[in-house]
PDB file of N, CA and C in Angstrom:
ATOM      1  N   MET A   1     -31.344 -27.502  30.001  1.00  0.00           N
ATOM      2  CA  MET A   1     -30.604 -28.568  28.880  1.00  0.00           C
ATOM      3  C   MET A   1     -29.158 -28.397  28.974  1.00  0.00           C
ATOM      4  N   SER A   2     -28.504 -29.373  28.539  1.00  0.00           N
ATOM      5  CA  SER A   2     -26.668 -29.374  28.624  1.00  0.00           C
ATOM      6  C   SER A   2     -26.354 -29.698  27.387  1.00  0.00           C
ATOM      7  N   ARG A   3     -25.328 -29.430  27.139  1.00  0.00           N
ATOM      8  CA  ARG A   3     -24.687 -29.662  26.200  1.00  0.00           C
ATOM      9  C   ARG A   3     -24.243 -31.115  26.242  1.00  0.00           C
ATOM     10  N   ALA A   4     -24.189 -31.839  27.652  1.00  0.00           N
ATOM     11  CA  ALA A   4     -23.371 -33.154  27.251  1.00  0.00           C
ATOM     12  C   ALA A   4     -24.626 -33.886  27.632  1.00  0.00           C
ATOM     13  N   ILE A   5     -23.959 -35.634  26.720  1.00  0.00           N
ATOM     14  CA  ILE A   5     -25.191 -36.559  26.533  1.00  0.00           C
ATOM     15  C   ILE A   5     -23.966 -37.437  26.717  1.00  0.00           C
ATOM     16  N   ASN A   6     -24.813 -38.838  27.114  1.00  0.00           N
ATOM     17  CA  ASN A   6     -24.162 -39.750  27.515  1.00  0.00           C
ATOM     18  C   ASN A   6     -24.980 -41.155  26.823  1.00  0.00           C
ATOM     19  N   LEU A   7     -23.802 -41.483  25.525  1.00  0.00           N
ATOM     20  CA  LEU A   7     -24.696 -42.392  24.615  1.00  0.00           C
ATOM     21  C   LEU A   7     -24.303 -43.903  24.686  1.00  0.00           C
ATOM     22  N   ASP A   8     -25.578 -44.802  24.845  1.00  0.00           N
ATOM     23  CA  ASP A   8     -24.625 -46.099  24.623  1.00  0.00           C
ATOM     24  C   ASP A   8     -24.306 -46.390  23.209  1.00  0.00           C
ATOM     25  N   LEU A   9     -23.284 -46.000  23.061  1.00  0.00           N
ATOM     26  CA  LEU A   9     -22.610 -46.125  21.475  1.00  0.00           C
ATOM     27  C   LEU A   9     -21.090 -45.864  21.868  1.00  0.00           C
ATOM     28  N   ASP A  10     -20.355 -46.535  20.898  1.00  0.00           N
ATOM     29  CA  ASP A  10     -18.904 -46.367  20.932  1.00  0.00           C
ATOM     30  C   ASP A  10     -18.194 -44.865  20.399  1.00  0.00           C
ATOM     31  N   ILE A  11     -17.701 -44.513  20.565  1.00  0.00           N
ATOM     32  CA  ILE A  11     -16.818 -43.396  19.906  1.00  0.00           C
ATOM     33  C   ILE A  11     -17.358 -43.040  18.536  1.00  0.00           C
ATOM     34  N   ASP A  12     -16.838 -44.162  17.876  1.00  0.00           N
ATOM     35  CA  ASP A  12     -17.105 -43.978  16.526  1.00  0.00           C
ATOM     36  C   ASP A  12     -18.196 -43.976  15.860  1.00  0.00           C
ATOM     37  N   GLN A  13     -19.402 -44.779  16.622  1.00  0.00           N
ATOM     38  CA  GLN A  13     -20.613 -44.090  16.222  1.00  0.00           C
ATOM     39  C   GLN A  13     -21.259 -42.977  16.688  1.00  0.00           C
ATOM     40  N   VAL A  14     -20.594 -42.410  17.775  1.00  0.00           N
ATOM     41  CA  VAL A  14     -20.960 -41.100  18.431  1.00  0.00           C
ATOM     42  C   VAL A  14     -19.988 -40.000  17.637  1.00  0.00           C
ATOM     43  N   ARG A  15     -19.333 -39.981  16.785  1.00  0.00           N
ATOM     44  CA  ARG A  15     -18.817 -39.136  15.613  1.00  0.00           C
ATOM     45  C   ARG A  15     -19.467 -39.193  14.238  1.00  0.00           C
ATOM     46  N   ALA A  16     -19.479 -40.571  13.565  1.00  0.00           N
ATOM     47  CA  ALA A  16     -20.343 -40.506  12.722  1.00  0.00           C
ATOM     48  C   ALA A  16     -22.265 -39.783  13.121  1.00  0.00           C
ATOM     49  N   ALA A  17     -22.342 -40.104  13.991  1.00  0.00           N
ATOM     50  CA  ALA A  17     -24.019 -39.352  14.634  1.00  0.00           C
ATOM     51  C   ALA A  17     -23.586 -37.782  14.312  1.00  0.00           C
ATOM     52  N   VAL A  18     -22.485 -37.631  15.301  1.00  0.00           N
ATOM     53  CA  VAL A  18     -22.308 -35.927  15.025  1.00  0.00           C
ATOM     54  C   VAL A  18     -22.118 -35.407  13.991  1.00  0.00           C
ATOM     55  N   ILE A  19     -21.363 -36.015  12.743  1.00  0.00           N
ATOM     56  CA  ILE A  19     -21.122 -35.477  11.681  1.00  0.00           C
ATOM     57  C   ILE A  19     -22.602 -35.589  10.792  1.00  0.00           C
ATOM     58  N   ALA A  20     -23.391 -36.362  10.592  1.00  0.00           N
ATOM     59  CA  ALA A  20     -24.343 -36.699   9.949  1.00  0.00           C
ATOM     60  C   ALA A  20     -25.358 -35.703  10.555  1.00  0.00           C
ATOM     61  N   SER A  21     -25.319 -35.292  11.769  1.00  0.00           N
ATOM     62  CA  SER A  21     -26.157 -33.981  12.300  1.00  0.00           C
ATOM     63  C   SER A  21     -25.748 -32.748  12.267  1.00  0.00           C
ATOM     64  N   LYS A  22     -24.593 -32.506  11.684  1.00  0.00           N
ATOM     65  CA  LYS A  22     -23.645 -31.456  11.178  1.00  0.00           C
ATOM     66  C   LYS A  22     -23.450 -30.950  12.701  1.00  0.00           C
ATOM     67  N   GLY A  23     -23.101 -31.684  13.756  1.00  0.00           N
ATOM     68  CA  GLY A  23     -23.140 -31.068  15.100  1.00  0.00           C
ATOM     69  C   GLY A  23     -21.058 -30.877  14.934  1.00  0.00           C
ATOM     70  N   VAL A  24     -20.653 -30.356  16.320  1.00  0.00           N
ATOM     71  CA  VAL A  24     -19.412 -29.773  16.404  1.00  0.00           C
ATOM     72  C   VAL A  24     -18.901 -30.423  17.839  1.00  0.00           C
ATOM     73  N   VAL A  25     -18.105 -31.372  17.995  1.00  0.00           N
ATOM     74  CA  VAL A  25     -17.773 -31.744  19.434  1.00  0.00           C
ATOM     75  C   VAL A  25     -16.679 -30.768  20.196  1.00  0.00           C
ATOM     76  N   SER A  26     -16.883 -30.830  21.377  1.00  0.00           N
ATOM     77  CA  SER A  26     -16.459 -29.524  22.111  1.00  0.00           C
ATOM     78  C   SER A  26     -15.473 -30.685  23.025  1.00  0.00           C
ATOM     79  N   ALA A  27     -15.925 -32.246  23.394  1.00  0.00           N
ATOM     80  CA  ALA A  27     -15.275 -33.216  24.244  1.00  0.00           C
ATOM     81  C   ALA A  27     -15.668 -34.520  24.083  1.00  0.00           C
ATOM     82  N   ILE A  28     -15.311 -35.440  24.049  1.00  0.00           N
ATOM     83  CA  ILE A  28     -15.779 -36.464  23.477  1.00  0.00           C
ATOM     84  C   ILE A  28     -14.392 -37.498  24.413  1.00  0.00           C
ATOM     85  N   GLU A  29     -15.440 -38.590  25.311  1.00  0.00           N
ATOM     86  CA  GLU A  29     -14.800 -39.073  26.218  1.00  0.00           C
ATOM     87  C   GLU A  29     -15.465 -41.028  26.627  1.00  0.00           C
ATOM     88  N   PRO A  30     -14.869 -41.550  26.893  1.00  0.00           N
ATOM     89  CA  PRO A  30     -15.422 -43.295  26.421  1.00  0.00           C
ATOM     90  C   PRO A  30     -15.883 -43.468  28.112  1.00  0.00           C
ATOM     91  N   LEU A  31     -16.913 -44.335  28.584  1.00  0.00           N
ATOM     92  CA  LEU A  31     -17.677 -44.452  29.877  1.00  0.00           C
ATOM     93  C   LEU A  31     -17.167 -45.715  30.106  1.00  0.00           C
ATOM     94  N   HIS A  32     -17.330 -46.288  31.074  1.00  0.00           N
ATOM     95  CA  HIS A  32     -16.732 -47.380  31.925  1.00  0.00           C
ATOM     96  C   HIS A  32     -18.175 -48.142  32.531  1.00  0.00           C
ATOM     97  N   PRO A  33     -18.649 -49.205  32.290  1.00  0.00           N
ATOM     98  CA  PRO A  33     -17.782 -50.399  31.337  1.00  0.00           C
ATOM     99  C   PRO A  33     -18.351 -49.857  29.805  1.00  0.00           C
ATOM    100  N   ARG A  34     -19.011 -49.188  29.524  1.00  0.00           N
ATOM    101  CA  ARG A  34     -19.659 -48.888  27.761  1.00  0.00           C
ATOM    102  C   ARG A  34     -20.411 -47.765  27.942  1.00  0.00           C
ATOM    103  N   GLY A  35     -19.768 -47.276  26.482  1.00  0.00           N
ATOM    104  CA  GLY A  35     -20.927 -46.166  26.276  1.00  0.00           C
ATOM    105  C   GLY A  35     -19.539 -44.603  26.162  1.00  0.00           C
ATOM    106  N   THR A  36     -20.384 -43.401  25.436  1.00  0.00           N
ATOM    107  CA  THR A  36     -19.324 -42.771  25.322  1.00  0.00           C
ATOM    108  C   THR A  36     -20.152 -41.287  25.864  1.00  0.00           C
ATOM    109  N   ARG A  37     -19.297 -40.428  26.538  1.00  0.00           N
ATOM    110  CA  ARG A  37     -19.890 -39.145  26.698  1.00  0.00           C
ATOM    111  C   ARG A  37     -19.674 -37.828  25.993  1.00  0.00           C
ATOM    112  N   VAL A  38     -20.621 -37.190  25.182  1.00  0.00           N
ATOM    113  CA  VAL A  38     -19.916 -36.233  23.904  1.00  0.00           C
ATOM    114  C   VAL A  38     -21.053 -34.740  24.520  1.00  0.00           C
ATOM    115  N   VAL A  39     -19.823 -33.859  24.753  1.00  0.00           N
ATOM    116  CA  VAL A  39     -20.328 -32.669  24.936  1.00  0.00           C
ATOM    117  C   VAL A  39     -20.003 -31.327  23.549  1.00  0.00           C
ATOM    118  N   LEU A  40     -21.242 -30.947  22.930  1.00  0.00           N
ATOM    119  CA  LEU A  40     -21.046 -30.765  21.790  1.00  0.00           C
ATOM    120  C   LEU A  40     -20.907 -28.933  22.127  1.00  0.00           C
ATOM    121  N   MET A  41     -20.762 -28.237  20.944  1.00  0.00           N
ATOM    122  CA  MET A  41     -19.989 -26.701  21.064  1.00  0.00           C
ATOM    123  C   MET A  41     -21.701 -26.192  21.382  1.00  0.00           C
ATOM    124  N   ARG A  42     -22.577 -26.050  20.644  1.00  0.00           N
ATOM    125  CA  ARG A  42     -23.746 -25.701  20.910  1.00  0.00           C
ATOM    126  C   ARG A  42     -25.143 -26.265  21.355  1.00  0.00           C
ATOM    127  N   ILE A  43     -26.012 -25.822  22.169  1.00  0.00           N
ATOM    128  CA  ILE A  43     -27.505 -26.441  22.893  1.00  0.00           C
ATOM    129  C   ILE A  43     -28.136 -26.874  21.698  1.00  0.00           C
ATOM    130  N   GLU A  44     -28.194 -26.019  20.731  1.00  0.00           N
ATOM    131  CA  GLU A  44     -29.228 -26.638  19.393  1.00  0.00           C
ATOM    132  C   GLU A  44     -28.437 -27.808  18.824  1.00  0.00           C
ATOM    133  N   GLN A  45     -27.578 -27.772  18.623  1.00  0.00           N
ATOM    134  CA  GLN A  45     -26.703 -29.246  18.152  1.00  0.00           C
ATOM    135  C   GLN A  45     -26.896 -30.837  19.423  1.00  0.00           C
ATOM    136  N   ALA A  46     -26.883 -30.175  20.265  1.00  0.00           N
ATOM    137  CA  ALA A  46     -26.799 -31.394  21.503  1.00  0.00           C
ATOM    138  C   ALA A  46     -28.605 -31.462  21.629  1.00  0.00           C
ATOM    139  N   THR A  47     -29.152 -30.687  21.577  1.00  0.00           N
ATOM    140  CA  THR A  47     -31.075 -30.776  21.166  1.00  0.00           C
ATOM    141  C   THR A  47     -30.930 -31.947  20.241  1.00  0.00           C
ATOM    142  N   ALA A  48     -30.634 -31.496  18.804  1.00  0.00           N
ATOM    143  CA  ALA A  48     -30.657 -32.289  17.654  1.00  0.00           C
ATOM    144  C   ALA A  48     -30.358 -33.493  17.368  1.00  0.00           C
ATOM    145  N   LEU A  49     -29.095 -33.955  18.313  1.00  0.00           N
ATOM    146  CA  LEU A  49     -28.585 -35.061  18.570  1.00  0.00           C
ATOM    147  C   LEU A  49     -29.056 -35.850  19.484  1.00  0.00           C
ATOM    148  N   ARG A  50     -29.732 -35.573  20.519  1.00  0.00           N
ATOM    149  CA  ARG A  50     -30.738 -36.251  21.516  1.00  0.00           C
ATOM    150  C   ARG A  50     -31.834 -36.358  21.311  1.00  0.00           C
ATOM    151  N   LYS A  51     -32.316 -35.779  19.939  1.00  0.00           N
ATOM    152  CA  LYS A  51     -33.761 -36.072  19.282  1.00  0.00           C
ATOM    153  C   LYS A  51     -33.035 -37.205  17.933  1.00  0.00           C
ATOM    154  N   ALA A  52     -32.199 -36.989  17.746  1.00  0.00           N
ATOM    155  CA  ALA A  52     -32.048 -38.238  16.613  1.00  0.00           C
ATOM    156  C   ALA A  52     -31.419 -39.622  17.646  1.00  0.00           C
ATOM    157  N   LEU A  53     -31.075 -39.367  18.603  1.00  0.00           N
ATOM    158  CA  LEU A  53     -30.496 -40.865  19.516  1.00  0.00           C
ATOM    159  C   LEU A  53     -31.282 -41.058  20.774  1.00  0.00           C
ATOM    160  N   LYS A  54     -32.582 -41.113  20.730  1.00  0.00           N
ATOM    161  CA  LYS A  54     -33.667 -40.802  21.883  1.00  0.00           C
ATOM    162  C   LYS A  54     -33.226 -42.588  22.464  1.00  0.00           C
ATOM    163  N   SER A  55     -33.327 -42.989  21.862  1.00  0.00           N
ATOM    164  CA  SER A  55     -33.130 -44.778  22.175  1.00  0.00           C
ATOM    165  C   SER A  55     -31.835 -45.085  22.926  1.00  0.00           C
ATOM    166  N   LYS A  56     -30.833 -44.865  22.868  1.00  0.00           N
ATOM    167  CA  LYS A  56     -29.388 -44.563  22.905  1.00  0.00           C
ATOM    168  C   LYS A  56     -29.061 -43.777  23.915  1.00  0.00           C
ATOM    169  N   ILE A  57     -29.435 -42.855  24.526  1.00  0.00           N
ATOM    170  CA  ILE A  57     -29.370 -41.945  25.474  1.00  0.00           C
ATOM    171  C   ILE A  57     -29.151 -42.869  27.053  1.00  0.00           C
ATOM    172  N   ILE A  58     -28.319 -42.858  27.791  1.00  0.00           N
ATOM    173  CA  ILE A  58     -27.940 -43.355  29.315  1.00  0.00           C
ATOM    174  C   ILE A  58     -27.940 -41.943  30.188  1.00  0.00           C
ATOM    175  N   ASP A  59     -29.516 -42.804  30.801  1.00  0.00           N
ATOM    176  CA  ASP A  59     -30.005 -41.901  32.142  1.00  0.00           C
ATOM    177  C   ASP A  59     -29.486 -42.632  33.359  1.00  0.00           C
ATOM    178  N   GLY A  60     -28.970 -41.765  34.265  1.00  0.00           N
ATOM    179  CA  GLY A  60     -28.738 -41.850  35.457  1.00  0.00           C
ATOM    180  C   GLY A  60     -27.411 -41.540  35.384  1.00  0.00           C
ATOM    181  N   PRO A  61     -26.575 -42.295  36.926  1.00  0.00           N
ATOM    182  CA  PRO A  61     -25.101 -42.147  36.774  1.00  0.00           C
ATOM    183  C   PRO A  61     -24.620 -43.062  35.792  1.00  0.00           C
ATOM    184  N   VAL A  62     -23.304 -42.216  35.621  1.00  0.00           N
ATOM    185  CA  VAL A  62     -22.224 -42.876  34.820  1.00  0.00           C
ATOM    186  C   VAL A  62     -20.948 -42.964  35.355  1.00  0.00           C
ATOM    187  N   VAL A  63     -20.009 -44.023  34.729  1.00  0.00           N
ATOM    188  CA  VAL A  63     -18.762 -43.637  35.355  1.00  0.00           C
ATOM    189  C   VAL A  63     -17.723 -43.604  34.068  1.00  0.00           C
ATOM    190  N   ARG A  64     -17.159 -42.181  34.806  1.00  0.00           N
ATOM    191  CA  ARG A  64     -16.537 -41.395  33.819  1.00  0.00           C
ATOM    192  C   ARG A  64     -14.998 -41.872  34.071  1.00  0.00           C
ATOM    193  N   THR A  65     -14.322 -42.086  32.293  1.00  0.00           N
ATOM    194  CA  THR A  65     -12.713 -41.884  32.124  1.00  0.00           C
ATOM    195  C   THR A  65     -12.300 -40.959  32.673  1.00  0.00           C
ATOM    196  N   PRO A  66     -11.155 -40.379  33.400  1.00  0.00           N
ATOM    197  CA  PRO A  66     -10.179 -39.169  33.509  1.00  0.00           C
ATOM    198  C   PRO A  66      -9.980 -38.831  31.843  1.00  0.00           C
ATOM    199  N   LEU A  67     -10.041 -37.714  31.623  1.00  0.00           N
ATOM    200  CA  LEU A  67      -9.331 -37.230  30.283  1.00  0.00           C
ATOM    201  C   LEU A  67      -7.769 -36.940  30.577  1.00  0.00           C
ATOM    202  N   ARG A  68      -7.105 -36.958  31.542  1.00  0.00           N
ATOM    203  CA  ARG A  68      -5.552 -36.677  31.763  1.00  0.00           C
ATOM    204  C   ARG A  68      -5.242 -37.250  33.027  1.00  0.00           C
ATOM    205  N   PRO A  69      -3.849 -37.864  32.991  1.00  0.00           N
ATOM    206  CA  PRO A  69      -3.096 -38.317  34.443  1.00  0.00           C
ATOM    207  C   PRO A  69      -3.630 -37.951  35.544  1.00  0.00           C
ATOM    208  N   ALA A  70      -3.884 -38.594  36.529  1.00  0.00           N
ATOM    209  CA  ALA A  70      -4.014 -37.962  37.770  1.00  0.00           C
ATOM    210  C   ALA A  70      -2.771 -37.175  38.234  1.00  0.00           C
ATOM    211  N   SER A  71      -1.589 -37.661  37.737  1.00  0.00           N
ATOM    212  CA  SER A  71      -0.151 -36.552  38.026  1.00  0.00           C
ATOM    213  C   SER A  71      -0.497 -35.566  37.893  1.00  0.00           C
ATOM    214  N   TRP A  72      -1.432 -34.761  36.585  1.00  0.00           N
ATOM    215  CA  TRP A  72      -1.526 -33.111  36.692  1.00  0.00           C
ATOM    216  C   TRP A  72      -2.355 -32.987  37.337  1.00  0.00           C
ATOM    217  N   ALA A  73      -2.680 -33.759  38.304  1.00  0.00           N
ATOM    218  CA  ALA A  73      -3.714 -32.748  39.157  1.00  0.00           C
ATOM    219  C   ALA A  73      -2.792 -31.957  40.503  1.00  0.00           C
ATOM    220  N   VAL A  74      -3.285 -30.667  40.592  1.00  0.00           N
ATOM    221  CA  VAL A  74      -2.713 -29.611  41.323  1.00  0.00           C
ATOM    222  C   VAL A  74      -3.002 -30.197  42.740  1.00  0.00           C
TER     223      VAL A  74
END
Protein backbone atom coordinates (compact mmCIF):
# COMPACT_ATOMS: atom_id res chain seq x y z
CA MET A 1 0.00 0.00 0.00
CA SER A 2 1.01 3.58 -0.60
CA ARG A 3 0.54 6.70 1.48
CA ALA A 4 -0.57 8.53 -1.70
CA ILE A 5 -4.21 8.56 -2.87
CA ASN A 6 -5.75 10.13 -5.99
CA LEU A 7 -9.30 11.27 -5.28
CA ASP A 8 -12.10 12.67 -7.43
CA LEU A 9 -12.64 15.53 -4.96
CA ASP A 10 -11.41 19.10 -4.77
CA ILE A 11 -8.66 20.08 -2.32
CA ASP A 12 -11.06 21.52 0.29
CA GLN A 13 -13.13 18.31 0.30
CA VAL A 14 -9.97 16.22 0.73
CA ARG A 15 -8.74 18.42 3.58
CA ALA A 16 -12.10 18.08 5.33
CA ALA A 17 -12.03 14.29 4.92
CA VAL A 18 -8.47 14.10 6.28
CA ILE A 19 -9.43 16.19 9.31
CA ALA A 20 -12.52 14.04 9.91
CA SER A 21 -10.37 10.89 9.80
CA LYS A 22 -7.75 12.48 12.10
CA GLY A 23 -5.05 12.15 9.44
CA VAL A 24 -2.03 14.36 8.78
CA VAL A 25 -1.18 15.52 5.26
CA SER A 26 2.39 15.23 4.01
CA ALA A 27 1.62 16.67 0.55
CA ILE A 28 -1.47 17.70 -1.40
CA GLU A 29 -1.80 18.83 -5.02
CA PRO A 30 -4.50 19.32 -7.64
CA LEU A 31 -4.73 16.89 -10.55
CA HIS A 32 -5.53 17.86 -14.13
CA PRO A 33 -8.32 18.14 -15.25
CA ARG A 34 -9.98 17.22 -11.94
CA GLY A 35 -9.22 15.61 -8.62
CA THR A 36 -6.63 15.81 -5.87
CA ARG A 37 -3.57 13.79 -4.94
CA VAL A 38 -2.95 13.56 -1.22
CA VAL A 39 -0.06 11.91 0.63
CA LEU A 40 -0.63 11.15 4.29
CA MET A 41 2.08 10.89 6.95
CA ARG A 42 1.26 7.32 7.99
CA ILE A 43 0.14 4.28 6.02
CA GLU A 44 -2.58 3.61 8.61
CA GLN A 45 -4.07 7.05 7.94
CA ALA A 46 -4.04 6.41 4.18
CA THR A 47 -5.72 3.04 4.67
CA ALA A 48 -8.48 4.60 6.79
CA LEU A 49 -9.03 7.38 4.23
CA ARG A 50 -9.19 4.84 1.39
CA LYS A 51 -11.93 2.95 3.23
CA ALA A 52 -13.88 6.13 3.95
CA LEU A 53 -13.63 7.49 0.38
CA LYS A 54 -13.61 4.22 -1.59
CA SER A 55 -16.10 5.49 -4.18
CA LYS A 56 -14.03 8.63 -4.87
CA ILE A 57 -10.66 6.94 -5.55
CA ILE A 58 -9.29 7.52 -9.06
CA ASP A 59 -7.82 4.30 -10.46
CA GLY A 60 -5.30 4.38 -13.27
CA PRO A 61 -2.95 7.07 -14.53
CA VAL A 62 -3.48 10.74 -13.65
CA VAL A 63 -1.90 14.01 -14.81
CA ARG A 64 -0.09 15.63 -11.91
CA THR A 65 0.52 19.35 -11.49
CA PRO A 66 4.13 20.41 -10.76
CA LEU A 67 4.66 21.45 -7.13
CA ARG A 68 7.41 23.90 -8.07
CA PRO A 69 8.31 25.87 -11.20
CA ALA A 70 10.33 24.07 -13.89
CA SER A 71 12.98 26.79 -13.56
CA TRP A 72 13.93 25.26 -10.18
CA ALA A 73 14.96 22.00 -11.84
CA VAL A 74 18.66 21.19 -11.74
